[in-house]
Full PDB file with SEQRES, HELIX, SHEET, SSBOND, CRYST1, ORIGX, SCALE, CONECT and MASTER records, all heavy atoms in Angstrom:
SEQRES   1 A   38  TYR ASP LYS ARG THR GLY GLU GLU ILE LEU LEU THR GLY          
SEQRES   2 A   38  LYS GLN HIS GLN ILE LEU MET TYR PHE LEU ARG HIS PRO          
SEQRES   3 A   38  ASN GLN VAL LEU PRO LYS GLU GLN ILE TYR GLU ALA              
HELIX    1 AA1 GLY A   13  ARG A   24  1                                  12    
HELIX    2 AA2 LYS A   32  GLU A   37  1                                   6    
CRYST1    1.000    1.000    1.000  90.00  90.00  90.00 P 1           1          
ORIGX1      1.000000  0.000000  0.000000        0.00000                         
ORIGX2      0.000000  1.000000  0.000000        0.00000                         
ORIGX3      0.000000  0.000000  1.000000        0.00000                         
SCALE1      1.000000  0.000000  0.000000        0.00000                         
SCALE2      0.000000  1.000000  0.000000        0.00000                         
SCALE3      0.000000  0.000000  1.000000        0.00000                         
ATOM      1  N   TYR A   1       6.447   4.300   8.662  1.00  0.00           N  
ATOM      2  CA  TYR A   1       7.618   4.173   9.526  1.00  0.00           C  
ATOM      3  C   TYR A   1       8.036   2.740   9.815  1.00  0.00           C  
ATOM      4  O   TYR A   1       7.132   1.916   9.918  1.00  0.00           O  
ATOM      5  CB  TYR A   1       7.411   4.889  10.912  1.00  0.00           C  
ATOM      6  CG  TYR A   1       7.269   6.381  10.802  1.00  0.00           C  
ATOM      7  CD1 TYR A   1       5.970   6.945  10.706  1.00  0.00           C  
ATOM      8  CD2 TYR A   1       8.363   7.216  10.804  1.00  0.00           C  
ATOM      9  CE1 TYR A   1       5.794   8.330  10.622  1.00  0.00           C  
ATOM     10  CE2 TYR A   1       8.187   8.558  10.712  1.00  0.00           C  
ATOM     11  CZ  TYR A   1       6.924   9.169  10.632  1.00  0.00           C  
ATOM     12  OH  TYR A   1       6.776  10.532  10.555  1.00  0.00           O  
ATOM     13  N   ASP A   2       9.304   2.532   9.967  1.00  0.00           N  
ATOM     14  CA  ASP A   2       9.869   1.275  10.401  1.00  0.00           C  
ATOM     15  C   ASP A   2      10.103   1.397  11.940  1.00  0.00           C  
ATOM     16  O   ASP A   2      10.962   2.142  12.340  1.00  0.00           O  
ATOM     17  CB  ASP A   2      11.208   0.938   9.699  1.00  0.00           C  
ATOM     18  CG  ASP A   2      11.650  -0.473  10.013  1.00  0.00           C  
ATOM     19  OD1 ASP A   2      11.442  -0.993  11.117  1.00  0.00           O  
ATOM     20  OD2 ASP A   2      12.228  -1.106   9.124  1.00  0.00           O  
ATOM     21  N   LYS A   3       9.302   0.727  12.696  1.00  0.00           N  
ATOM     22  CA  LYS A   3       9.363   0.818  14.154  1.00  0.00           C  
ATOM     23  C   LYS A   3      10.684   0.350  14.730  1.00  0.00           C  
ATOM     24  O   LYS A   3      11.111   0.735  15.813  1.00  0.00           O  
ATOM     25  CB  LYS A   3       8.229   0.093  14.844  1.00  0.00           C  
ATOM     26  CG  LYS A   3       6.863   0.590  14.502  1.00  0.00           C  
ATOM     27  CD  LYS A   3       6.596   1.976  15.042  1.00  0.00           C  
ATOM     28  CE  LYS A   3       6.415   1.912  16.536  1.00  0.00           C  
ATOM     29  NZ  LYS A   3       6.062   3.212  17.088  1.00  0.00           N  
ATOM     30  N   ARG A   4      11.409  -0.529  13.933  1.00  0.00           N  
ATOM     31  CA  ARG A   4      12.704  -1.054  14.439  1.00  0.00           C  
ATOM     32  C   ARG A   4      13.781   0.065  14.447  1.00  0.00           C  
ATOM     33  O   ARG A   4      14.610   0.089  15.323  1.00  0.00           O  
ATOM     34  CB  ARG A   4      13.155  -2.205  13.543  1.00  0.00           C  
ATOM     35  CG  ARG A   4      12.253  -3.394  13.566  1.00  0.00           C  
ATOM     36  CD  ARG A   4      12.623  -4.425  12.544  1.00  0.00           C  
ATOM     37  NE  ARG A   4      12.480  -3.816  11.204  1.00  0.00           N  
ATOM     38  CZ  ARG A   4      12.754  -4.439  10.043  1.00  0.00           C  
ATOM     39  NH1 ARG A   4      13.166  -5.732  10.127  1.00  0.00           N  
ATOM     40  NH2 ARG A   4      12.597  -3.840   8.866  1.00  0.00           N  
ATOM     41  N   THR A   5      13.693   0.947  13.454  1.00  0.00           N  
ATOM     42  CA  THR A   5      14.717   1.974  13.357  1.00  0.00           C  
ATOM     43  C   THR A   5      14.138   3.373  13.722  1.00  0.00           C  
ATOM     44  O   THR A   5      14.937   4.368  13.956  1.00  0.00           O  
ATOM     45  CB  THR A   5      15.246   2.066  11.942  1.00  0.00           C  
ATOM     46  OG1 THR A   5      14.149   2.425  11.034  1.00  0.00           O  
ATOM     47  CG2 THR A   5      15.801   0.664  11.473  1.00  0.00           C  
ATOM     48  N   GLY A   6      12.830   3.509  13.722  1.00  0.00           N  
ATOM     49  CA  GLY A   6      12.204   4.809  13.938  1.00  0.00           C  
ATOM     50  C   GLY A   6      12.320   5.746  12.745  1.00  0.00           C  
ATOM     51  O   GLY A   6      11.995   6.921  12.893  1.00  0.00           O  
ATOM     52  N   GLU A   7      12.728   5.199  11.602  1.00  0.00           N  
ATOM     53  CA  GLU A   7      12.923   6.045  10.401  1.00  0.00           C  
ATOM     54  C   GLU A   7      11.723   5.878   9.465  1.00  0.00           C  
ATOM     55  O   GLU A   7      11.080   4.843   9.407  1.00  0.00           O  
ATOM     56  CB  GLU A   7      14.194   5.620   9.693  1.00  0.00           C  
ATOM     57  CG  GLU A   7      15.447   5.897  10.504  1.00  0.00           C  
ATOM     58  CD  GLU A   7      16.712   5.513   9.764  1.00  0.00           C  
ATOM     59  OE1 GLU A   7      16.585   4.934   8.666  1.00  0.00           O  
ATOM     60  OE2 GLU A   7      17.823   5.718  10.296  1.00  0.00           O  
ATOM     61  N   GLU A   8      11.471   6.944   8.707  1.00  0.00           N  
ATOM     62  CA  GLU A   8      10.401   6.934   7.686  1.00  0.00           C  
ATOM     63  C   GLU A   8      10.885   6.095   6.503  1.00  0.00           C  
ATOM     64  O   GLU A   8      12.009   6.176   6.084  1.00  0.00           O  
ATOM     65  CB  GLU A   8      10.107   8.357   7.253  1.00  0.00           C  
ATOM     66  CG  GLU A   8       8.947   8.378   6.260  1.00  0.00           C  
ATOM     67  CD  GLU A   8       8.588   9.832   5.850  1.00  0.00           C  
ATOM     68  OE1 GLU A   8       9.142  10.777   6.473  1.00  0.00           O  
ATOM     69  OE2 GLU A   8       7.741   9.992   4.967  1.00  0.00           O  
ATOM     70  N   ILE A   9       9.957   5.327   5.962  1.00  0.00           N  
ATOM     71  CA  ILE A   9      10.230   4.628   4.731  1.00  0.00           C  
ATOM     72  C   ILE A   9       9.620   5.421   3.538  1.00  0.00           C  
ATOM     73  O   ILE A   9       8.454   5.746   3.554  1.00  0.00           O  
ATOM     74  CB  ILE A   9       9.514   3.224   4.766  1.00  0.00           C  
ATOM     75  CG1 ILE A   9      10.095   2.384   5.912  1.00  0.00           C  
ATOM     76  CG2 ILE A   9       9.693   2.470   3.452  1.00  0.00           C  
ATOM     77  CD1 ILE A   9       9.356   1.079   6.073  1.00  0.00           C  
ATOM     78  N   LEU A  10      10.450   5.849   2.652  1.00  0.00           N  
ATOM     79  CA  LEU A  10      10.019   6.658   1.547  1.00  0.00           C  
ATOM     80  C   LEU A  10       9.451   5.799   0.407  1.00  0.00           C  
ATOM     81  O   LEU A  10      10.174   4.937  -0.105  1.00  0.00           O  
ATOM     82  CB  LEU A  10      11.200   7.512   1.052  1.00  0.00           C  
ATOM     83  CG  LEU A  10      11.778   8.493   2.120  1.00  0.00           C  
ATOM     84  CD1 LEU A  10      12.921   9.272   1.475  1.00  0.00           C  
ATOM     85  CD2 LEU A  10      10.676   9.470   2.604  1.00  0.00           C  
ATOM     86  N   LEU A  11       8.229   6.044   0.009  1.00  0.00           N  
ATOM     87  CA  LEU A  11       7.623   5.290  -1.058  1.00  0.00           C  
ATOM     88  C   LEU A  11       7.426   6.203  -2.227  1.00  0.00           C  
ATOM     89  O   LEU A  11       7.252   7.432  -2.082  1.00  0.00           O  
ATOM     90  CB  LEU A  11       6.240   4.815  -0.598  1.00  0.00           C  
ATOM     91  CG  LEU A  11       6.163   3.916   0.630  1.00  0.00           C  
ATOM     92  CD1 LEU A  11       4.716   3.551   0.881  1.00  0.00           C  
ATOM     93  CD2 LEU A  11       7.007   2.675   0.491  1.00  0.00           C  
ATOM     94  N   THR A  12       7.419   5.633  -3.451  1.00  0.00           N  
ATOM     95  CA  THR A  12       7.062   6.352  -4.614  1.00  0.00           C  
ATOM     96  C   THR A  12       5.595   6.615  -4.639  1.00  0.00           C  
ATOM     97  O   THR A  12       4.809   6.000  -3.826  1.00  0.00           O  
ATOM     98  CB  THR A  12       7.446   5.579  -5.878  1.00  0.00           C  
ATOM     99  OG1 THR A  12       6.661   4.407  -5.974  1.00  0.00           O  
ATOM    100  CG2 THR A  12       8.928   5.190  -5.828  1.00  0.00           C  
ATOM    101  N   GLY A  13       5.131   7.495  -5.547  1.00  0.00           N  
ATOM    102  CA  GLY A  13       3.698   7.781  -5.622  1.00  0.00           C  
ATOM    103  C   GLY A  13       2.840   6.517  -5.827  1.00  0.00           C  
ATOM    104  O   GLY A  13       1.814   6.375  -5.162  1.00  0.00           O  
ATOM    105  N   LYS A  14       3.242   5.688  -6.755  1.00  0.00           N  
ATOM    106  CA  LYS A  14       2.437   4.525  -7.049  1.00  0.00           C  
ATOM    107  C   LYS A  14       2.535   3.475  -5.860  1.00  0.00           C  
ATOM    108  O   LYS A  14       1.479   2.836  -5.567  1.00  0.00           O  
ATOM    109  CB  LYS A  14       2.922   3.806  -8.331  1.00  0.00           C  
ATOM    110  CG  LYS A  14       2.650   4.622  -9.587  1.00  0.00           C  
ATOM    111  CD  LYS A  14       1.142   4.896  -9.778  1.00  0.00           C  
ATOM    112  CE  LYS A  14       0.844   5.626 -11.060  1.00  0.00           C  
ATOM    113  NZ  LYS A  14      -0.618   5.986 -11.128  1.00  0.00           N  
ATOM    114  N   GLN A  15       3.677   3.369  -5.275  1.00  0.00           N  
ATOM    115  CA  GLN A  15       3.814   2.437  -4.136  1.00  0.00           C  
ATOM    116  C   GLN A  15       2.840   2.897  -3.004  1.00  0.00           C  
ATOM    117  O   GLN A  15       2.173   2.076  -2.348  1.00  0.00           O  
ATOM    118  CB  GLN A  15       5.234   2.386  -3.601  1.00  0.00           C  
ATOM    119  CG  GLN A  15       6.151   1.689  -4.602  1.00  0.00           C  
ATOM    120  CD  GLN A  15       7.636   1.898  -4.212  1.00  0.00           C  
ATOM    121  OE1 GLN A  15       7.958   2.630  -3.251  1.00  0.00           O  
ATOM    122  NE2 GLN A  15       8.553   1.349  -5.021  1.00  0.00           N  
ATOM    123  N   HIS A  16       2.830   4.251  -2.794  1.00  0.00           N  
ATOM    124  CA  HIS A  16       1.961   4.746  -1.745  1.00  0.00           C  
ATOM    125  C   HIS A  16       0.465   4.505  -2.114  1.00  0.00           C  
ATOM    126  O   HIS A  16      -0.323   4.146  -1.256  1.00  0.00           O  
ATOM    127  CB  HIS A  16       2.200   6.295  -1.608  1.00  0.00           C  
ATOM    128  CG  HIS A  16       1.371   6.932  -0.510  1.00  0.00           C  
ATOM    129  ND1 HIS A  16       1.719   6.836   0.843  1.00  0.00           N  
ATOM    130  CD2 HIS A  16       0.253   7.585  -0.602  1.00  0.00           C  
ATOM    131  CE1 HIS A  16       0.829   7.456   1.495  1.00  0.00           C  
ATOM    132  NE2 HIS A  16      -0.097   7.954   0.697  1.00  0.00           N  
ATOM    133  N   GLN A  17       0.081   4.774  -3.376  1.00  0.00           N  
ATOM    134  CA  GLN A  17      -1.274   4.496  -3.771  1.00  0.00           C  
ATOM    135  C   GLN A  17      -1.665   3.049  -3.569  1.00  0.00           C  
ATOM    136  O   GLN A  17      -2.829   2.797  -3.178  1.00  0.00           O  
ATOM    137  CB  GLN A  17      -1.478   4.928  -5.257  1.00  0.00           C  
ATOM    138  CG  GLN A  17      -1.461   6.396  -5.429  1.00  0.00           C  
ATOM    139  CD  GLN A  17      -1.616   6.754  -6.936  1.00  0.00           C  
ATOM    140  OE1 GLN A  17      -0.659   6.941  -7.639  1.00  0.00           O  
ATOM    141  NE2 GLN A  17      -2.807   6.771  -7.382  1.00  0.00           N  
ATOM    142  N   ILE A  18      -0.835   2.143  -3.920  1.00  0.00           N  
ATOM    143  CA  ILE A  18      -1.080   0.681  -3.832  1.00  0.00           C  
ATOM    144  C   ILE A  18      -1.283   0.323  -2.363  1.00  0.00           C  
ATOM    145  O   ILE A  18      -2.290  -0.317  -2.031  1.00  0.00           O  
ATOM    146  CB  ILE A  18       0.046  -0.128  -4.432  1.00  0.00           C  
ATOM    147  CG1 ILE A  18       0.141   0.031  -5.936  1.00  0.00           C  
ATOM    148  CG2 ILE A  18      -0.084  -1.606  -4.021  1.00  0.00           C  
ATOM    149  CD1 ILE A  18       1.342  -0.570  -6.603  1.00  0.00           C  
ATOM    150  N   LEU A  19      -0.407   0.837  -1.450  1.00  0.00           N  
ATOM    151  CA  LEU A  19      -0.518   0.569  -0.047  1.00  0.00           C  
ATOM    152  C   LEU A  19      -1.851   1.073   0.500  1.00  0.00           C  
ATOM    153  O   LEU A  19      -2.580   0.411   1.277  1.00  0.00           O  
ATOM    154  CB  LEU A  19       0.670   1.124   0.706  1.00  0.00           C  
ATOM    155  CG  LEU A  19       0.633   0.912   2.226  1.00  0.00           C  
ATOM    156  CD1 LEU A  19       0.610  -0.581   2.574  1.00  0.00           C  
ATOM    157  CD2 LEU A  19       1.854   1.588   2.846  1.00  0.00           C  
ATOM    158  N   MET A  20      -2.168   2.332   0.163  1.00  0.00           N  
ATOM    159  CA  MET A  20      -3.409   2.926   0.650  1.00  0.00           C  
ATOM    160  C   MET A  20      -4.677   2.220   0.128  1.00  0.00           C  
ATOM    161  O   MET A  20      -5.643   2.078   0.818  1.00  0.00           O  
ATOM    162  CB  MET A  20      -3.488   4.422   0.257  1.00  0.00           C  
ATOM    163  CG  MET A  20      -2.492   5.351   0.978  1.00  0.00           C  
ATOM    164  SD  MET A  20      -2.717   5.289   2.788  1.00  0.00           S  
ATOM    165  CE  MET A  20      -1.101   4.722   3.312  1.00  0.00           C  
ATOM    166  N   TYR A  21      -4.551   1.653  -1.082  1.00  0.00           N  
ATOM    167  CA  TYR A  21      -5.703   0.936  -1.613  1.00  0.00           C  
ATOM    168  C   TYR A  21      -5.913  -0.360  -0.802  1.00  0.00           C  
ATOM    169  O   TYR A  21      -7.038  -0.713  -0.485  1.00  0.00           O  
ATOM    170  CB  TYR A  21      -5.481   0.571  -3.099  1.00  0.00           C  
ATOM    171  CG  TYR A  21      -6.733  -0.001  -3.731  1.00  0.00           C  
ATOM    172  CD1 TYR A  21      -7.800   0.832  -4.082  1.00  0.00           C  
ATOM    173  CD2 TYR A  21      -6.799  -1.323  -4.069  1.00  0.00           C  
ATOM    174  CE1 TYR A  21      -8.904   0.325  -4.618  1.00  0.00           C  
ATOM    175  CE2 TYR A  21      -7.910  -1.830  -4.665  1.00  0.00           C  
ATOM    176  CZ  TYR A  21      -8.970  -1.055  -5.004  1.00  0.00           C  
ATOM    177  OH  TYR A  21     -10.134  -1.583  -5.502  1.00  0.00           O  
ATOM    178  N   PHE A  22      -4.801  -1.030  -0.483  1.00  0.00           N  
ATOM    179  CA  PHE A  22      -4.924  -2.191   0.386  1.00  0.00           C  
ATOM    180  C   PHE A  22      -5.589  -1.829   1.755  1.00  0.00           C  
ATOM    181  O   PHE A  22      -6.381  -2.553   2.255  1.00  0.00           O  
ATOM    182  CB  PHE A  22      -3.510  -2.824   0.628  1.00  0.00           C  
ATOM    183  CG  PHE A  22      -3.045  -3.723  -0.438  1.00  0.00           C  
ATOM    184  CD1 PHE A  22      -1.848  -3.493  -1.096  1.00  0.00           C  
ATOM    185  CD2 PHE A  22      -3.739  -4.883  -0.762  1.00  0.00           C  
ATOM    186  CE1 PHE A  22      -1.363  -4.336  -2.077  1.00  0.00           C  
ATOM    187  CE2 PHE A  22      -3.280  -5.781  -1.767  1.00  0.00           C  
ATOM    188  CZ  PHE A  22      -2.072  -5.465  -2.408  1.00  0.00           C  
ATOM    189  N   LEU A  23      -5.193  -0.720   2.314  1.00  0.00           N  
ATOM    190  CA  LEU A  23      -5.656  -0.313   3.597  1.00  0.00           C  
ATOM    191  C   LEU A  23      -7.121   0.101   3.561  1.00  0.00           C  
ATOM    192  O   LEU A  23      -7.808   0.028   4.620  1.00  0.00           O  
ATOM    193  CB  LEU A  23      -4.820   0.803   4.211  1.00  0.00           C  
ATOM    194  CG  LEU A  23      -3.363   0.415   4.495  1.00  0.00           C  
ATOM    195  CD1 LEU A  23      -2.640   1.658   5.155  1.00  0.00           C  
ATOM    196  CD2 LEU A  23      -3.236  -0.753   5.402  1.00  0.00           C  
ATOM    197  N   ARG A  24      -7.622   0.516   2.392  1.00  0.00           N  
ATOM    198  CA  ARG A  24      -9.021   0.848   2.269  1.00  0.00           C  
ATOM    199  C   ARG A  24      -9.836  -0.413   2.096  1.00  0.00           C  
ATOM    200  O   ARG A  24     -11.080  -0.336   2.188  1.00  0.00           O  
ATOM    201  CB  ARG A  24      -9.298   1.819   1.084  1.00  0.00           C  
ATOM    202  CG  ARG A  24      -8.762   3.264   1.367  1.00  0.00           C  
ATOM    203  CD  ARG A  24      -9.376   4.209   0.341  1.00  0.00           C  
ATOM    204  NE  ARG A  24      -8.920   3.932  -0.998  1.00  0.00           N  
ATOM    205  CZ  ARG A  24      -7.757   4.411  -1.561  1.00  0.00           C  
ATOM    206  NH1 ARG A  24      -6.988   5.147  -0.841  1.00  0.00           N  
ATOM    207  NH2 ARG A  24      -7.447   4.114  -2.772  1.00  0.00           N  
ATOM    208  N   HIS A  25      -9.167  -1.533   1.794  1.00  0.00           N  
ATOM    209  CA  HIS A  25      -9.884  -2.813   1.651  1.00  0.00           C  
ATOM    210  C   HIS A  25      -9.118  -3.906   2.540  1.00  0.00           C  
ATOM    211  O   HIS A  25      -8.674  -4.934   2.008  1.00  0.00           O  
ATOM    212  CB  HIS A  25      -9.815  -3.253   0.171  1.00  0.00           C  
ATOM    213  CG  HIS A  25     -10.478  -2.242  -0.731  1.00  0.00           C  
ATOM    214  ND1 HIS A  25      -9.803  -1.109  -1.184  1.00  0.00           N  
ATOM    215  CD2 HIS A  25     -11.712  -2.223  -1.283  1.00  0.00           C  
ATOM    216  CE1 HIS A  25     -10.610  -0.438  -1.916  1.00  0.00           C  
ATOM    217  NE2 HIS A  25     -11.797  -1.052  -2.050  1.00  0.00           N  
ATOM    218  N   PRO A  26      -9.100  -3.651   3.831  1.00  0.00           N  
ATOM    219  CA  PRO A  26      -8.358  -4.515   4.684  1.00  0.00           C  
ATOM    220  C   PRO A  26      -8.935  -5.963   4.747  1.00  0.00           C  
ATOM    221  O   PRO A  26     -10.212  -6.115   4.683  1.00  0.00           O  
ATOM    222  CB  PRO A  26      -8.480  -3.862   6.106  1.00  0.00           C  
ATOM    223  CG  PRO A  26      -9.733  -3.125   5.990  1.00  0.00           C  
ATOM    224  CD  PRO A  26      -9.813  -2.639   4.595  1.00  0.00           C  
ATOM    225  N   ASN A  27      -8.029  -6.890   4.696  1.00  0.00           N  
ATOM    226  CA  ASN A  27      -8.402  -8.341   4.859  1.00  0.00           C  
ATOM    227  C   ASN A  27      -9.090  -8.921   3.616  1.00  0.00           C  
ATOM    228  O   ASN A  27      -9.495 -10.093   3.646  1.00  0.00           O  
ATOM    229  CB  ASN A  27      -9.270  -8.584   6.102  1.00  0.00           C  
ATOM    230  CG  ASN A  27      -8.639  -8.015   7.352  1.00  0.00           C  
ATOM    231  OD1 ASN A  27      -7.555  -8.353   7.707  1.00  0.00           O  
ATOM    232  ND2 ASN A  27      -9.342  -7.112   8.017  1.00  0.00           N  
ATOM    233  N   GLN A  28      -9.228  -8.114   2.587  1.00  0.00           N  
ATOM    234  CA  GLN A  28      -9.925  -8.583   1.384  1.00  0.00           C  
ATOM    235  C   GLN A  28      -8.954  -9.077   0.393  1.00  0.00           C  
ATOM    236  O   GLN A  28      -7.840  -8.496   0.257  1.00  0.00           O  
ATOM    237  CB  GLN A  28     -10.767  -7.449   0.744  1.00  0.00           C  
ATOM    238  CG  GLN A  28     -11.911  -6.946   1.636  1.00  0.00           C  
ATOM    239  CD  GLN A  28     -12.710  -5.883   0.887  1.00  0.00           C  
ATOM    240  OE1 GLN A  28     -12.878  -5.868  -0.327  1.00  0.00           O  
ATOM    241  NE2 GLN A  28     -13.299  -4.984   1.644  1.00  0.00           N  
ATOM    242  N   VAL A  29      -9.266 -10.117  -0.326  1.00  0.00           N  
ATOM    243  CA  VAL A  29      -8.465 -10.603  -1.458  1.00  0.00           C  
ATOM    244  C   VAL A  29      -8.703  -9.779  -2.665  1.00  0.00           C  
ATOM    245  O   VAL A  29      -9.843  -9.713  -3.121  1.00  0.00           O  
ATOM    246  CB  VAL A  29      -8.734 -12.137  -1.705  1.00  0.00           C  
ATOM    247  CG1 VAL A  29      -7.839 -12.628  -2.870  1.00  0.00           C  
ATOM    248  CG2 VAL A  29      -8.539 -12.948  -0.517  1.00  0.00           C  
ATOM    249  N   LEU A  30      -7.681  -9.133  -3.138  1.00  0.00           N  
ATOM    250  CA  LEU A  30      -7.789  -8.162  -4.308  1.00  0.00           C  
ATOM    251  C   LEU A  30      -7.154  -8.734  -5.521  1.00  0.00           C  
ATOM    252  O   LEU A  30      -5.936  -8.923  -5.509  1.00  0.00           O  
ATOM    253  CB  LEU A  30      -7.245  -6.804  -3.911  1.00  0.00           C  
ATOM    254  CG  LEU A  30      -7.814  -6.160  -2.643  1.00  0.00           C  
ATOM    255  CD1 LEU A  30      -7.061  -4.898  -2.358  1.00  0.00           C  
ATOM    256  CD2 LEU A  30      -9.276  -5.870  -2.801  1.00  0.00           C  
ATOM    257  N   PRO A  31      -7.931  -9.017  -6.614  1.00  0.00           N  
ATOM    258  CA  PRO A  31      -7.234  -9.437  -7.825  1.00  0.00           C  
ATOM    259  C   PRO A  31      -6.332  -8.364  -8.377  1.00  0.00           C  
ATOM    260  O   PRO A  31      -6.562  -7.200  -8.192  1.00  0.00           O  
ATOM    261  CB  PRO A  31      -8.456  -9.715  -8.764  1.00  0.00           C  
ATOM    262  CG  PRO A  31      -9.639  -9.848  -7.885  1.00  0.00           C  
ATOM    263  CD  PRO A  31      -9.363  -8.941  -6.682  1.00  0.00           C  
ATOM    264  N   LYS A  32      -5.294  -8.814  -9.089  1.00  0.00           N  
ATOM    265  CA  LYS A  32      -4.334  -7.826  -9.660  1.00  0.00           C  
ATOM    266  C   LYS A  32      -4.997  -6.832 -10.566  1.00  0.00           C  
ATOM    267  O   LYS A  32      -4.642  -5.646 -10.670  1.00  0.00           O  
ATOM    268  CB  LYS A  32      -3.189  -8.545 -10.350  1.00  0.00           C  
ATOM    269  CG  LYS A  32      -3.582  -9.371 -11.513  1.00  0.00           C  
ATOM    270  CD  LYS A  32      -2.315 -10.039 -12.159  1.00  0.00           C  
ATOM    271  CE  LYS A  32      -2.683 -10.914 -13.355  1.00  0.00           C  
ATOM    272  NZ  LYS A  32      -3.544 -12.087 -13.041  1.00  0.00           N  
ATOM    273  N   GLU A  33      -6.014  -7.335 -11.339  1.00  0.00           N  
ATOM    274  CA  GLU A  33      -6.753  -6.436 -12.279  1.00  0.00           C  
ATOM    275  C   GLU A  33      -7.439  -5.337 -11.532  1.00  0.00           C  
ATOM    276  O   GLU A  33      -7.406  -4.171 -11.967  1.00  0.00           O  
ATOM    277  CB  GLU A  33      -7.757  -7.253 -13.092  1.00  0.00           C  
ATOM    278  CG  GLU A  33      -7.197  -8.336 -13.975  1.00  0.00           C  
ATOM    279  CD  GLU A  33      -7.058  -9.681 -13.234  1.00  0.00           C  
ATOM    280  OE1 GLU A  33      -7.140  -9.703 -11.994  1.00  0.00           O  
ATOM    281  OE2 GLU A  33      -6.683 -10.637 -13.897  1.00  0.00           O  
ATOM    282  N   GLN A  34      -8.024  -5.610 -10.384  1.00  0.00           N  
ATOM    283  CA  GLN A  34      -8.774  -4.623  -9.600  1.00  0.00           C  
ATOM    284  C   GLN A  34      -7.747  -3.589  -9.050  1.00  0.00           C  
ATOM    285  O   GLN A  34      -8.063  -2.369  -9.151  1.00  0.00           O  
ATOM    286  CB  GLN A  34      -9.512  -5.311  -8.496  1.00  0.00           C  
ATOM    287  CG  GLN A  34     -10.327  -4.342  -7.610  1.00  0.00           C  
ATOM    288  CD  GLN A  34     -11.029  -5.033  -6.481  1.00  0.00           C  
ATOM    289  OE1 GLN A  34     -11.386  -6.177  -6.603  1.00  0.00           O  
ATOM    290  NE2 GLN A  34     -11.243  -4.385  -5.352  1.00  0.00           N  
ATOM    291  N   ILE A  35      -6.627  -4.012  -8.513  1.00  0.00           N  
ATOM    292  CA  ILE A  35      -5.661  -3.072  -7.944  1.00  0.00           C  
ATOM    293  C   ILE A  35      -5.121  -2.180  -9.082  1.00  0.00           C  
ATOM    294  O   ILE A  35      -5.043  -0.978  -8.872  1.00  0.00           O  
ATOM    295  CB  ILE A  35      -4.529  -3.856  -7.326  1.00  0.00           C  
ATOM    296  CG1 ILE A  35      -5.036  -4.765  -6.198  1.00  0.00           C  
ATOM    297  CG2 ILE A  35      -3.493  -2.874  -6.753  1.00  0.00           C  
ATOM    298  CD1 ILE A  35      -3.968  -5.765  -5.663  1.00  0.00           C  
ATOM    299  N   TYR A  36      -4.747  -2.777 -10.196  1.00  0.00           N  
ATOM    300  CA  TYR A  36      -4.193  -2.022 -11.305  1.00  0.00           C  
ATOM    301  C   TYR A  36      -5.151  -0.934 -11.781  1.00  0.00           C  
ATOM    302  O   TYR A  36      -4.802   0.259 -11.942  1.00  0.00           O  
ATOM    303  CB  TYR A  36      -3.829  -2.936 -12.471  1.00  0.00           C  
ATOM    304  CG  TYR A  36      -3.198  -2.177 -13.638  1.00  0.00           C  
ATOM    305  CD1 TYR A  36      -1.821  -1.998 -13.715  1.00  0.00           C  
ATOM    306  CD2 TYR A  36      -3.965  -1.639 -14.627  1.00  0.00           C  
ATOM    307  CE1 TYR A  36      -1.250  -1.282 -14.769  1.00  0.00           C  
ATOM    308  CE2 TYR A  36      -3.439  -0.958 -15.667  1.00  0.00           C  
ATOM    309  CZ  TYR A  36      -2.067  -0.806 -15.712  1.00  0.00           C  
ATOM    310  OH  TYR A  36      -1.526  -0.102 -16.764  1.00  0.00           O  
ATOM    311  N   GLU A  37      -6.394  -1.311 -12.008  1.00  0.00           N  
ATOM    312  CA  GLU A  37      -7.360  -0.350 -12.565  1.00  0.00           C  
ATOM    313  C   GLU A  37      -7.707   0.711 -11.576  1.00  0.00           C  
ATOM    314  O   GLU A  37      -8.000   1.868 -11.980  1.00  0.00           O  
ATOM    315  CB  GLU A  37      -8.623  -1.110 -13.019  1.00  0.00           C  
ATOM    316  CG  GLU A  37      -8.319  -2.018 -14.202  1.00  0.00           C  
ATOM    317  CD  GLU A  37      -9.503  -2.818 -14.710  1.00  0.00           C  
ATOM    318  OE1 GLU A  37     -10.623  -2.781 -14.091  1.00  0.00           O  
ATOM    319  OE2 GLU A  37      -9.362  -3.574 -15.681  1.00  0.00           O  
ATOM    320  N   ALA A  38      -7.641   0.439 -10.223  1.00  0.00           N  
ATOM    321  CA  ALA A  38      -7.926   1.439  -9.232  1.00  0.00           C  
ATOM    322  C   ALA A  38      -6.786   2.457  -9.182  1.00  0.00           C  
ATOM    323  O   ALA A  38      -6.974   3.639  -8.977  1.00  0.00           O  
ATOM    324  CB  ALA A  38      -8.208   0.765  -7.901  1.00  0.00           C  
TER     325      ALA A  38                                                      
MASTER        0    0    0    2    0    0    0    6  324    1    0    3          
END                                                                             
């Protein structure tokens, strides 16, 4: 959600997977190779 508008932000499947992968590894520096392969 965007708290400024209260509206949901629609992500594609891959965009959602990328975001969730970041959230499973918070504050960690992730090389592009690692993100892609995951």
